[in-house]
């Protein structure tokens, strides 16, 4: 199953947090990292009294179920110091989100795929476009159509990383 994972951090050396998360994603069981965007800098969602975020999107080919993948991502977050709080859009050491899981549409208590906010988040759409420019979403929408409708809001590419 081809899956796309959003990576974000704005605490405790965010570039390093993102790079460590990408390395951890390379080691997921029964999975292979097959693509990785550049790192991007974006303004925070929600409260603006926090540092900017470092973001990326990775592509993995996995045999994990969507819930197994979610569990693995949450374990990586926890290993890198993530503490889940009530403040939904507050600062965090690491945030890993399943953006797409193959061409499936899933909704359960713990997971909604495609990610419910991807359509309006420049820090997801533009890194995703970088690694999957011809992607069509499960609802038939082309990714390029979404990026045309989504302002960059100051999103900047900060570095190309050794992806694979």
N, C-alpha and C. Protein backbone atom coordinates (compact mmCIF):
# COMPACT_ATOMS: atom_id res chain seq x y z
N UNK A 1 0.84 -1.17 0.00
CA UNK A 1 0.00 0.00 0.00
C UNK A 1 0.89 1.24 0.00
N UNK A 2 0.71 2.09 -0.98
CA UNK A 2 1.44 3.35 -1.00
C UNK A 2 0.73 4.31 -0.06
N UNK A 3 1.49 4.85 0.87
CA UNK A 3 0.95 5.78 1.85
C UNK A 3 1.82 7.02 1.89
N UNK A 4 1.20 8.14 2.22
CA UNK A 4 1.91 9.40 2.36
C UNK A 4 1.77 9.88 3.80
N UNK A 5 2.90 10.22 4.39
CA UNK A 5 2.95 10.61 5.79
C UNK A 5 3.43 12.06 5.88
N UNK A 6 2.68 12.89 6.59
CA UNK A 6 3.10 14.25 6.87
C UNK A 6 3.98 14.26 8.11
N UNK A 7 5.06 15.03 8.04
CA UNK A 7 6.02 15.16 9.13
C UNK A 7 6.05 16.64 9.53
N UNK A 8 5.93 16.92 10.83
CA UNK A 8 5.99 18.29 11.29
C UNK A 8 6.61 18.39 12.67
N UNK A 9 7.33 19.49 12.91
CA UNK A 9 7.93 19.74 14.22
C UNK A 9 8.20 21.24 14.36
N UNK A 10 8.03 21.74 15.60
CA UNK A 10 8.44 23.11 15.87
C UNK A 10 9.06 23.25 17.27
N UNK A 11 9.51 22.15 17.85
CA UNK A 11 10.12 22.16 19.17
C UNK A 11 11.39 21.30 19.17
N UNK A 12 12.30 21.62 20.08
CA UNK A 12 13.50 20.82 20.32
C UNK A 12 14.26 20.49 19.03
N UNK A 13 14.74 21.52 18.36
CA UNK A 13 15.52 21.38 17.12
C UNK A 13 14.68 20.72 16.02
N UNK A 14 13.68 21.44 15.50
CA UNK A 14 12.72 20.87 14.56
C UNK A 14 13.33 20.22 13.31
N UNK A 15 14.39 20.79 12.76
CA UNK A 15 15.00 20.15 11.58
C UNK A 15 15.52 18.78 11.96
N UNK A 16 16.20 18.70 13.08
CA UNK A 16 16.71 17.42 13.56
C UNK A 16 15.57 16.45 13.86
N UNK A 17 14.50 16.95 14.48
CA UNK A 17 13.35 16.09 14.78
C UNK A 17 12.78 15.49 13.48
N UNK A 18 12.63 16.33 12.44
CA UNK A 18 12.09 15.85 11.17
C UNK A 18 13.03 14.83 10.53
N UNK A 19 14.32 15.12 10.55
CA UNK A 19 15.28 14.18 9.96
C UNK A 19 15.29 12.85 10.70
N UNK A 20 15.22 12.89 12.04
CA UNK A 20 15.19 11.65 12.83
C UNK A 20 13.91 10.86 12.54
N UNK A 21 12.80 11.56 12.39
CA UNK A 21 11.55 10.89 12.08
C UNK A 21 11.62 10.20 10.72
N UNK A 22 12.20 10.87 9.75
CA UNK A 22 12.34 10.27 8.42
C UNK A 22 13.22 9.04 8.48
N UNK A 23 14.29 9.10 9.26
CA UNK A 23 15.14 7.91 9.45
C UNK A 23 14.34 6.78 10.10
N UNK A 24 13.53 7.11 11.10
CA UNK A 24 12.71 6.08 11.77
C UNK A 24 11.70 5.47 10.80
N UNK A 25 11.15 6.29 9.90
CA UNK A 25 10.20 5.78 8.91
C UNK A 25 10.86 4.80 7.95
N UNK A 26 12.15 4.98 7.72
CA UNK A 26 12.88 4.05 6.86
C UNK A 26 12.94 2.66 7.48
N UNK A 27 12.77 2.59 8.80
CA UNK A 27 12.90 1.32 9.52
C UNK A 27 11.57 0.70 9.94
N UNK A 28 10.47 1.20 9.42
CA UNK A 28 9.18 0.59 9.75
C UNK A 28 9.14 -0.85 9.26
N UNK A 29 8.54 -1.75 10.04
CA UNK A 29 8.47 -3.15 9.60
C UNK A 29 7.62 -3.29 8.33
N UNK A 30 7.98 -4.24 7.51
CA UNK A 30 7.30 -4.56 6.25
C UNK A 30 6.96 -3.32 5.43
N UNK A 31 7.87 -2.36 5.44
CA UNK A 31 7.65 -1.11 4.74
C UNK A 31 8.96 -0.63 4.12
N UNK A 32 8.81 0.18 3.08
CA UNK A 32 9.98 0.77 2.44
C UNK A 32 9.68 2.24 2.13
N UNK A 33 10.58 3.13 2.54
CA UNK A 33 10.44 4.53 2.20
C UNK A 33 10.82 4.68 0.72
N UNK A 34 9.90 5.22 -0.07
CA UNK A 34 10.10 5.29 -1.51
C UNK A 34 10.19 6.72 -2.04
N UNK A 35 9.95 7.71 -1.18
CA UNK A 35 10.06 9.10 -1.60
C UNK A 35 10.03 10.02 -0.41
N UNK A 36 10.68 11.17 -0.56
CA UNK A 36 10.72 12.15 0.53
C UNK A 36 10.85 13.54 -0.07
N UNK A 37 10.01 14.45 0.39
CA UNK A 37 10.08 15.83 -0.08
C UNK A 37 11.26 16.54 0.57
N UNK A 38 11.48 17.74 0.11
CA UNK A 38 12.39 18.66 0.79
C UNK A 38 11.78 19.02 2.14
N UNK A 39 12.57 19.67 2.98
CA UNK A 39 12.03 20.24 4.21
C UNK A 39 11.48 21.63 3.89
N UNK A 40 10.38 21.97 4.52
CA UNK A 40 9.72 23.26 4.31
C UNK A 40 9.54 23.95 5.65
N UNK A 41 9.47 25.25 5.62
CA UNK A 41 9.16 26.04 6.81
C UNK A 41 7.79 26.66 6.61
N UNK A 42 6.92 26.52 7.64
CA UNK A 42 5.56 27.05 7.55
C UNK A 42 5.16 27.73 8.85
N UNK A 43 4.26 28.68 8.72
CA UNK A 43 3.70 29.33 9.90
C UNK A 43 2.82 28.33 10.63
N UNK A 44 2.71 28.45 11.96
CA UNK A 44 1.88 27.51 12.70
C UNK A 44 0.40 27.71 12.41
N UNK A 45 -0.35 26.61 12.49
CA UNK A 45 -1.81 26.70 12.47
C UNK A 45 -2.24 27.04 13.89
N UNK A 46 -3.38 27.63 14.04
CA UNK A 46 -3.87 27.93 15.38
C UNK A 46 -3.08 29.05 16.02
N UNK A 47 -2.74 28.89 17.31
CA UNK A 47 -2.05 29.97 18.02
C UNK A 47 -0.76 30.38 17.31
N UNK A 48 -0.60 31.68 17.11
CA UNK A 48 0.56 32.19 16.40
C UNK A 48 1.74 32.50 17.32
N UNK A 49 1.56 32.31 18.63
CA UNK A 49 2.62 32.60 19.58
C UNK A 49 3.49 31.36 19.82
N UNK A 50 3.86 30.72 18.74
CA UNK A 50 4.73 29.55 18.78
C UNK A 50 5.66 29.61 17.57
N UNK A 51 6.76 28.86 17.62
CA UNK A 51 7.71 28.89 16.49
C UNK A 51 7.10 28.32 15.21
N UNK A 52 7.70 28.73 14.08
CA UNK A 52 7.32 28.14 12.79
C UNK A 52 7.60 26.65 12.81
N UNK A 53 6.95 25.95 11.90
CA UNK A 53 7.11 24.50 11.78
C UNK A 53 8.08 24.14 10.66
N UNK A 54 8.71 23.01 10.84
CA UNK A 54 9.45 22.35 9.77
C UNK A 54 8.57 21.19 9.33
N UNK A 55 8.34 21.07 8.02
CA UNK A 55 7.45 20.05 7.48
C UNK A 55 8.09 19.30 6.32
N UNK A 56 7.60 18.11 6.09
CA UNK A 56 7.96 17.29 4.93
C UNK A 56 6.84 16.28 4.72
N UNK A 57 6.86 15.64 3.58
CA UNK A 57 5.96 14.52 3.31
C UNK A 57 6.82 13.38 2.78
N UNK A 58 6.56 12.18 3.28
CA UNK A 58 7.26 11.00 2.79
C UNK A 58 6.27 10.03 2.19
N UNK A 59 6.76 9.26 1.25
CA UNK A 59 5.99 8.19 0.61
C UNK A 59 6.56 6.88 1.09
N UNK A 60 5.69 5.99 1.56
CA UNK A 60 6.15 4.66 1.93
C UNK A 60 5.26 3.61 1.27
N UNK A 61 5.87 2.49 0.98
CA UNK A 61 5.16 1.32 0.49
C UNK A 61 5.13 0.37 1.68
N UNK A 62 3.94 0.08 2.19
CA UNK A 62 3.83 -0.68 3.43
C UNK A 62 2.84 -1.82 3.32
N UNK A 63 3.11 -2.86 4.08
CA UNK A 63 2.16 -3.96 4.23
C UNK A 63 1.40 -3.84 5.54
N UNK A 64 1.72 -2.80 6.33
CA UNK A 64 1.00 -2.56 7.58
C UNK A 64 -0.42 -2.10 7.25
N UNK A 65 -1.37 -2.50 8.08
CA UNK A 65 -2.73 -1.96 7.94
C UNK A 65 -2.68 -0.49 8.34
N UNK A 66 -3.72 0.25 8.03
CA UNK A 66 -3.76 1.67 8.37
C UNK A 66 -3.62 1.88 9.89
N UNK A 67 -4.28 1.06 10.69
CA UNK A 67 -4.20 1.21 12.15
C UNK A 67 -2.82 0.77 12.64
N UNK A 68 -2.24 -0.28 12.07
CA UNK A 68 -0.87 -0.66 12.45
C UNK A 68 0.11 0.46 12.11
N UNK A 69 -0.09 1.10 10.97
CA UNK A 69 0.76 2.21 10.58
C UNK A 69 0.59 3.38 11.56
N UNK A 70 -0.65 3.69 11.91
CA UNK A 70 -0.91 4.75 12.88
C UNK A 70 -0.21 4.44 14.21
N UNK A 71 -0.31 3.21 14.68
CA UNK A 71 0.36 2.82 15.93
C UNK A 71 1.87 3.00 15.83
N UNK A 72 2.44 2.62 14.70
CA UNK A 72 3.89 2.76 14.49
C UNK A 72 4.29 4.24 14.48
N UNK A 73 3.48 5.08 13.84
CA UNK A 73 3.78 6.51 13.80
C UNK A 73 3.69 7.13 15.19
N UNK A 74 2.70 6.74 15.95
CA UNK A 74 2.57 7.28 17.30
C UNK A 74 3.71 6.81 18.20
N UNK A 75 4.22 5.61 17.97
CA UNK A 75 5.39 5.14 18.73
C UNK A 75 6.62 5.98 18.39
N UNK A 76 6.79 6.33 17.12
CA UNK A 76 7.92 7.19 16.71
C UNK A 76 7.78 8.56 17.39
N UNK A 77 6.56 9.11 17.35
CA UNK A 77 6.33 10.40 18.01
C UNK A 77 6.72 10.34 19.49
N UNK A 78 6.26 9.30 20.15
CA UNK A 78 6.53 9.16 21.58
C UNK A 78 8.03 9.00 21.84
N UNK A 79 8.70 8.22 21.00
CA UNK A 79 10.15 8.03 21.15
C UNK A 79 10.92 9.34 20.99
N UNK A 80 10.33 10.27 20.25
CA UNK A 80 10.99 11.57 20.03
C UNK A 80 10.44 12.66 20.95
N UNK A 81 9.78 12.25 22.03
CA UNK A 81 9.38 13.20 23.05
C UNK A 81 8.02 13.83 22.90
N UNK A 82 7.20 13.34 22.00
CA UNK A 82 5.86 13.90 21.83
C UNK A 82 5.01 13.57 23.05
N UNK A 83 4.38 14.61 23.58
CA UNK A 83 3.42 14.44 24.66
C UNK A 83 2.10 14.99 24.13
N UNK A 84 1.09 14.15 24.08
CA UNK A 84 -0.21 14.59 23.57
C UNK A 84 -0.91 15.44 24.62
N UNK A 85 -1.39 16.60 24.17
CA UNK A 85 -2.04 17.56 25.06
C UNK A 85 -3.41 17.89 24.49
N UNK A 86 -4.20 18.59 25.29
CA UNK A 86 -5.51 19.03 24.84
C UNK A 86 -5.42 20.12 23.77
N UNK A 87 -4.33 20.89 23.79
CA UNK A 87 -4.14 21.97 22.83
C UNK A 87 -3.85 21.39 21.45
N UNK A 88 -4.88 21.25 20.65
CA UNK A 88 -4.78 20.55 19.36
C UNK A 88 -3.73 21.13 18.43
N UNK A 89 -3.60 22.44 18.36
CA UNK A 89 -2.67 23.05 17.41
C UNK A 89 -1.52 23.74 18.12
N UNK A 90 -1.16 23.24 19.28
CA UNK A 90 -0.05 23.81 20.02
C UNK A 90 1.28 23.28 19.51
N UNK A 91 2.37 23.79 20.09
CA UNK A 91 3.70 23.35 19.69
C UNK A 91 3.92 21.88 20.00
N UNK A 92 4.80 21.24 19.22
CA UNK A 92 5.08 19.82 19.44
C UNK A 92 6.45 19.45 18.90
N UNK A 93 7.03 18.44 19.54
CA UNK A 93 8.32 17.96 19.06
C UNK A 93 8.17 17.27 17.72
N UNK A 94 7.09 16.53 17.56
CA UNK A 94 6.91 15.78 16.31
C UNK A 94 5.44 15.47 16.10
N UNK A 95 5.02 15.60 14.86
CA UNK A 95 3.67 15.24 14.46
C UNK A 95 3.78 14.43 13.18
N UNK A 96 3.31 13.21 13.20
CA UNK A 96 3.29 12.34 12.02
C UNK A 96 1.83 12.02 11.71
N UNK A 97 1.40 12.36 10.52
CA UNK A 97 0.01 12.13 10.12
C UNK A 97 -0.05 11.29 8.85
N UNK A 98 -0.96 10.33 8.83
CA UNK A 98 -1.24 9.60 7.60
C UNK A 98 -2.10 10.52 6.74
N UNK A 99 -1.55 10.96 5.62
CA UNK A 99 -2.26 11.85 4.72
C UNK A 99 -3.13 11.03 3.77
N UNK A 100 -2.53 10.02 3.17
CA UNK A 100 -3.24 9.11 2.27
C UNK A 100 -2.76 7.69 2.55
N UNK A 101 -3.67 6.75 2.46
CA UNK A 101 -3.34 5.34 2.61
C UNK A 101 -3.86 4.63 1.36
N UNK A 102 -2.94 4.48 0.40
CA UNK A 102 -3.28 3.94 -0.91
C UNK A 102 -4.42 4.79 -1.49
N UNK A 103 -5.42 4.18 -2.05
CA UNK A 103 -6.56 4.96 -2.57
C UNK A 103 -7.79 4.75 -1.69
N UNK A 104 -7.54 4.39 -0.44
CA UNK A 104 -8.64 4.08 0.46
C UNK A 104 -9.18 5.32 1.16
N UNK A 105 -10.47 5.25 1.47
CA UNK A 105 -11.12 6.24 2.31
C UNK A 105 -11.53 5.52 3.59
N UNK A 106 -10.99 5.97 4.72
CA UNK A 106 -11.23 5.32 6.00
C UNK A 106 -11.70 6.34 7.01
N UNK A 107 -12.62 5.92 7.86
CA UNK A 107 -13.02 6.78 8.96
C UNK A 107 -13.40 5.92 10.14
N UNK A 108 -12.64 6.09 11.22
CA UNK A 108 -12.94 5.42 12.47
C UNK A 108 -12.58 6.38 13.60
N UNK A 109 -12.74 5.97 14.82
CA UNK A 109 -12.51 6.85 15.96
C UNK A 109 -11.09 7.42 15.97
N UNK A 110 -10.11 6.63 15.58
CA UNK A 110 -8.71 7.04 15.67
C UNK A 110 -8.13 7.61 14.38
N UNK A 111 -8.80 7.41 13.26
CA UNK A 111 -8.16 7.74 11.99
C UNK A 111 -9.17 8.10 10.92
N UNK A 112 -8.87 9.20 10.22
CA UNK A 112 -9.63 9.58 9.03
C UNK A 112 -8.63 9.74 7.89
N UNK A 113 -8.86 9.01 6.81
CA UNK A 113 -7.99 9.06 5.63
C UNK A 113 -8.88 9.12 4.40
N UNK A 114 -8.59 10.02 3.46
CA UNK A 114 -7.55 11.01 3.45
C UNK A 114 -7.65 11.93 4.67
N UNK A 115 -6.50 12.48 5.06
CA UNK A 115 -6.46 13.36 6.23
C UNK A 115 -7.48 14.48 6.04
N UNK A 116 -8.28 14.71 7.07
CA UNK A 116 -9.40 15.64 6.97
C UNK A 116 -9.00 17.07 6.60
N UNK A 117 -7.79 17.51 6.91
CA UNK A 117 -7.41 18.89 6.65
C UNK A 117 -6.45 19.09 5.50
N UNK A 118 -6.14 18.01 4.79
CA UNK A 118 -5.08 18.12 3.77
C UNK A 118 -5.40 19.14 2.69
N UNK A 119 -6.67 19.31 2.34
CA UNK A 119 -7.07 20.19 1.23
C UNK A 119 -6.72 21.65 1.46
N UNK A 120 -6.57 22.04 2.73
CA UNK A 120 -6.34 23.45 3.04
C UNK A 120 -4.97 23.71 3.63
N UNK A 121 -4.12 22.72 3.67
CA UNK A 121 -2.83 22.86 4.33
C UNK A 121 -1.69 22.88 3.33
N UNK A 122 -1.16 24.07 3.12
CA UNK A 122 -0.07 24.24 2.17
C UNK A 122 1.14 23.40 2.54
N UNK A 123 1.37 23.20 3.83
CA UNK A 123 2.53 22.44 4.29
C UNK A 123 2.37 20.94 4.08
N UNK A 124 1.20 20.52 3.63
CA UNK A 124 0.98 19.14 3.18
C UNK A 124 0.94 19.09 1.66
N UNK A 125 0.16 19.96 1.06
CA UNK A 125 -0.07 19.89 -0.39
C UNK A 125 1.19 20.12 -1.23
N UNK A 126 1.97 21.14 -0.90
CA UNK A 126 3.13 21.45 -1.74
C UNK A 126 4.26 20.41 -1.59
N UNK A 127 4.58 19.94 -0.38
CA UNK A 127 5.56 18.84 -0.30
C UNK A 127 5.05 17.56 -0.98
N UNK A 128 3.75 17.29 -0.87
CA UNK A 128 3.17 16.13 -1.54
C UNK A 128 3.28 16.27 -3.05
N UNK A 129 2.99 17.46 -3.55
CA UNK A 129 3.11 17.71 -5.00
C UNK A 129 4.54 17.50 -5.48
N UNK A 130 5.51 17.86 -4.63
CA UNK A 130 6.92 17.68 -5.00
C UNK A 130 7.25 16.22 -5.29
N UNK A 131 6.70 15.30 -4.49
CA UNK A 131 7.07 13.88 -4.65
C UNK A 131 6.04 13.07 -5.44
N UNK A 132 4.84 13.61 -5.63
CA UNK A 132 3.79 12.88 -6.36
C UNK A 132 3.01 13.84 -7.24
N UNK A 133 3.66 14.44 -8.24
CA UNK A 133 3.01 15.49 -9.03
C UNK A 133 1.80 15.03 -9.83
N UNK A 134 1.68 13.74 -10.09
CA UNK A 134 0.56 13.23 -10.88
C UNK A 134 -0.49 12.53 -10.03
N UNK A 135 -0.44 12.72 -8.72
CA UNK A 135 -1.32 12.03 -7.80
C UNK A 135 -2.78 12.43 -7.98
N UNK A 136 -3.64 11.42 -7.96
CA UNK A 136 -5.08 11.62 -7.95
C UNK A 136 -5.60 11.08 -6.62
N UNK A 137 -6.39 11.87 -5.92
CA UNK A 137 -6.94 11.47 -4.63
C UNK A 137 -8.05 10.44 -4.82
N UNK A 138 -8.41 9.73 -3.75
CA UNK A 138 -9.46 8.72 -3.86
C UNK A 138 -10.79 9.25 -4.41
N UNK A 139 -11.07 10.53 -4.23
CA UNK A 139 -12.33 11.10 -4.75
C UNK A 139 -12.22 11.55 -6.21
N UNK A 140 -11.07 11.31 -6.84
CA UNK A 140 -10.88 11.66 -8.24
C UNK A 140 -10.26 13.03 -8.48
N UNK A 141 -10.07 13.81 -7.44
CA UNK A 141 -9.45 15.13 -7.57
C UNK A 141 -7.96 14.98 -7.79
N UNK A 142 -7.43 15.74 -8.72
CA UNK A 142 -5.99 15.75 -8.96
C UNK A 142 -5.33 16.66 -7.95
N UNK A 143 -4.21 16.23 -7.40
CA UNK A 143 -3.48 17.02 -6.42
C UNK A 143 -3.16 18.41 -6.95
N UNK A 144 -2.79 18.50 -8.22
CA UNK A 144 -2.45 19.81 -8.79
C UNK A 144 -3.63 20.78 -8.72
N UNK A 145 -4.86 20.27 -8.79
CA UNK A 145 -6.04 21.14 -8.66
C UNK A 145 -6.10 21.75 -7.26
N UNK A 146 -5.77 20.95 -6.26
CA UNK A 146 -5.81 21.44 -4.87
C UNK A 146 -4.75 22.50 -4.63
N UNK A 147 -3.55 22.29 -5.17
CA UNK A 147 -2.50 23.28 -4.95
C UNK A 147 -2.82 24.60 -5.64
N UNK A 148 -3.51 24.54 -6.76
CA UNK A 148 -3.91 25.77 -7.44
C UNK A 148 -4.86 26.61 -6.58
N UNK A 149 -5.61 25.95 -5.70
CA UNK A 149 -6.58 26.64 -4.86
C UNK A 149 -6.04 27.00 -3.48
N UNK A 150 -4.82 26.58 -3.18
CA UNK A 150 -4.26 26.75 -1.84
C UNK A 150 -3.08 27.72 -1.87
N UNK A 151 -3.24 28.84 -1.20
CA UNK A 151 -2.17 29.83 -1.10
C UNK A 151 -0.99 29.23 -0.35
N UNK A 152 0.21 29.63 -0.70
CA UNK A 152 1.41 29.12 -0.02
C UNK A 152 1.59 29.70 1.38
N UNK A 153 0.93 30.81 1.68
CA UNK A 153 0.99 31.41 3.03
C UNK A 153 2.41 31.53 3.58
N UNK A 154 3.36 31.88 2.74
CA UNK A 154 4.74 32.05 3.18
C UNK A 154 5.54 30.76 3.27
N UNK A 155 4.97 29.64 2.85
CA UNK A 155 5.68 28.35 2.87
C UNK A 155 6.96 28.47 2.06
N UNK A 156 8.08 28.06 2.63
CA UNK A 156 9.35 28.11 1.92
C UNK A 156 10.08 26.79 2.03
N UNK A 157 10.76 26.44 0.96
CA UNK A 157 11.62 25.26 0.97
C UNK A 157 12.91 25.64 1.68
N UNK A 158 13.32 24.84 2.66
CA UNK A 158 14.53 25.21 3.37
C UNK A 158 15.70 24.30 3.06
N UNK A 159 15.44 23.05 2.65
CA UNK A 159 16.57 22.20 2.29
C UNK A 159 16.10 20.95 1.58
N UNK A 160 16.95 20.50 0.69
CA UNK A 160 16.76 19.18 0.12
C UNK A 160 17.51 18.24 1.05
N UNK A 161 16.92 17.10 1.33
CA UNK A 161 17.60 16.14 2.20
C UNK A 161 17.90 14.89 1.41
N UNK A 162 18.85 14.15 1.92
CA UNK A 162 19.20 12.89 1.28
C UNK A 162 18.05 11.94 1.55
N UNK A 163 17.14 11.86 0.57
CA UNK A 163 15.88 11.16 0.83
C UNK A 163 16.00 9.64 0.96
N UNK A 164 16.76 9.02 0.14
CA UNK A 164 16.64 7.55 0.11
C UNK A 164 17.96 6.87 0.40
